[in-house]
Amino acid sequence: MKTLAELSAIRERMKSKVSVREGGNEYLVKVGMATCGIAAGARPVMSALLDEVSAQHLEETVHVSQTGCIGICQYEPVVEVFKGDEKFTYVKMTPEKMKEVVDSHLKDGKPLYQYTIGSM
């Protein structure tokens, strides 16, 4: 990369892969990857999420990112799922629970309330 034009071209190419598209039936999923989350097992949860999204071919409708501290360390690993104005905070996640969330919530649109912070 030697020019501003090259940088702009790279930015435009990557925009669709990194940003959340507006509208549609798309989800943004954030995994808390601060020190407390990682210590509680967020890495395997993130891996299970990415593997299951790929296995179920949901890459076009599910956008996964990591975030820092969510502020509820006692409930780590924490995964937040956003769709429009809705937000679901899944707590004490495991790779197995994450696979269930992908199958039920992200694929079929049926949140698993038993894993959310409201059930704690």
Protein backbone atom coordinates (compact mmCIF):
# COMPACT_ATOMS: atom_id res chain seq x y z
CA MET A 1 0.00 0.00 0.00
CA LYS A 2 1.64 3.16 -1.20
CA THR A 3 -1.15 5.61 -1.92
CA LEU A 4 -4.31 6.94 -0.32
CA ALA A 5 -6.29 5.47 -3.22
CA GLU A 6 -4.99 1.98 -2.40
CA LEU A 7 -5.96 2.45 1.24
CA SER A 8 -9.46 3.60 0.23
CA ALA A 9 -9.86 0.57 -2.04
CA ILE A 10 -8.91 -1.78 0.80
CA ARG A 11 -11.31 0.02 3.14
CA GLU A 12 -14.22 -0.37 0.70
CA ARG A 13 -13.45 -4.05 0.12
CA MET A 14 -13.36 -4.80 3.82
CA LYS A 15 -16.39 -2.72 4.81
CA SER A 16 -18.89 -5.43 3.96
CA LYS A 17 -16.95 -8.01 5.95
CA VAL A 18 -16.51 -5.96 9.08
CA SER A 19 -19.55 -3.74 9.45
CA VAL A 20 -23.08 -4.68 10.30
CA ARG A 21 -25.43 -4.19 7.41
CA GLU A 22 -28.58 -2.25 8.15
CA GLY A 23 -32.00 -3.78 7.73
CA GLY A 24 -32.88 -7.34 6.97
CA ASN A 25 -32.84 -10.18 9.46
CA GLU A 26 -29.28 -9.74 10.56
CA TYR A 27 -27.73 -10.34 13.93
CA LEU A 28 -24.70 -8.82 15.59
CA VAL A 29 -23.17 -11.15 18.16
CA LYS A 30 -20.56 -9.81 20.59
CA VAL A 31 -18.49 -12.08 22.80
CA GLY A 32 -16.98 -10.51 25.92
CA MET A 33 -13.24 -11.10 25.56
CA ALA A 34 -11.82 -9.05 28.43
CA THR A 35 -9.51 -10.75 30.92
CA CYS A 36 -12.40 -12.00 33.06
CA GLY A 37 -14.22 -13.44 30.03
CA ILE A 38 -11.15 -15.19 28.72
CA ALA A 39 -10.38 -16.61 32.19
CA ALA A 40 -13.96 -17.93 32.40
CA GLY A 41 -13.79 -19.67 29.00
CA ALA A 42 -14.77 -17.11 26.36
CA ARG A 43 -12.24 -18.39 23.80
CA PRO A 44 -13.85 -21.83 23.40
CA VAL A 45 -17.28 -20.14 23.34
CA MET A 46 -16.10 -17.83 20.54
CA SER A 47 -14.65 -20.79 18.63
CA ALA A 48 -17.88 -22.75 18.97
CA LEU A 49 -19.86 -19.72 17.79
CA LEU A 50 -17.70 -19.20 14.71
CA ASP A 51 -17.66 -22.91 13.88
CA GLU A 52 -21.43 -23.26 14.20
CA VAL A 53 -22.19 -20.09 12.20
CA SER A 54 -19.99 -21.49 9.45
CA ALA A 55 -21.43 -25.01 9.66
CA GLN A 56 -24.98 -23.67 9.42
CA HIS A 57 -24.04 -21.27 6.58
CA LEU A 58 -25.21 -18.20 8.52
CA GLU A 59 -22.33 -15.90 7.55
CA GLU A 60 -24.64 -13.60 5.56
CA THR A 61 -27.03 -13.00 8.46
CA VAL A 62 -24.81 -13.30 11.54
CA HIS A 63 -21.95 -10.92 12.23
CA VAL A 64 -19.62 -11.96 15.06
CA SER A 65 -17.26 -9.65 16.91
CA GLN A 66 -15.46 -9.54 20.19
CA THR A 67 -15.76 -6.79 22.74
CA GLY A 68 -14.04 -5.81 25.95
CA CYS A 69 -15.53 -5.72 29.41
CA ILE A 70 -19.32 -5.91 29.50
CA GLY A 71 -19.32 -5.22 33.23
CA ILE A 72 -20.92 -8.35 34.65
CA CYS A 73 -17.87 -10.44 35.45
CA GLN A 74 -19.72 -12.87 37.72
CA TYR A 75 -21.74 -14.03 34.68
CA GLU A 76 -18.84 -14.61 32.27
CA PRO A 77 -18.56 -15.84 29.59
CA VAL A 78 -21.10 -13.32 28.27
CA VAL A 79 -22.47 -13.19 24.72
CA GLU A 80 -24.69 -10.34 23.53
CA VAL A 81 -27.02 -10.83 20.57
CA PHE A 82 -28.43 -7.74 18.84
CA LYS A 83 -31.15 -7.60 16.22
CA GLY A 84 -32.58 -4.18 15.50
CA ASP A 85 -33.63 -2.70 18.84
CA GLU A 86 -33.58 -6.07 20.60
CA LYS A 87 -30.71 -7.18 22.78
CA PHE A 88 -30.28 -10.55 24.47
CA THR A 89 -27.51 -11.08 27.01
CA TYR A 90 -26.54 -14.73 27.30
CA VAL A 91 -24.55 -15.52 30.45
CA LYS A 92 -22.38 -18.33 31.82
CA MET A 93 -22.01 -19.61 28.29
CA THR A 94 -20.30 -22.84 27.30
CA PRO A 95 -19.46 -24.10 23.81
CA GLU A 96 -22.44 -26.49 24.04
CA LYS A 97 -24.86 -23.71 25.04
CA MET A 98 -23.45 -21.52 22.27
CA LYS A 99 -24.25 -24.18 19.68
CA GLU A 100 -27.83 -24.31 20.99
CA VAL A 101 -28.11 -20.50 20.76
CA VAL A 102 -26.90 -20.53 17.16
CA ASP A 103 -29.35 -23.27 16.21
CA SER A 104 -32.38 -21.83 18.02
CA HIS A 105 -31.88 -18.06 18.15
CA LEU A 106 -29.65 -17.17 15.22
CA LYS A 107 -31.02 -19.76 12.80
CA ASP A 108 -34.69 -20.09 13.83
CA GLY A 109 -35.27 -16.74 15.60
CA LYS A 110 -36.21 -18.36 18.92
CA PRO A 111 -34.18 -16.94 21.84
CA LEU A 112 -33.21 -19.32 24.63
CA TYR A 113 -34.38 -17.30 27.62
CA GLN A 114 -33.11 -19.88 30.10
CA TYR A 115 -29.54 -18.80 29.24
CA THR A 116 -30.14 -15.03 29.46
CA ILE A 117 -29.35 -12.72 32.32
CA GLY A 118 -33.08 -12.36 33.04
CA SER A 119 -33.21 -15.98 34.14
CA MET A 120 -30.40 -15.57 36.68
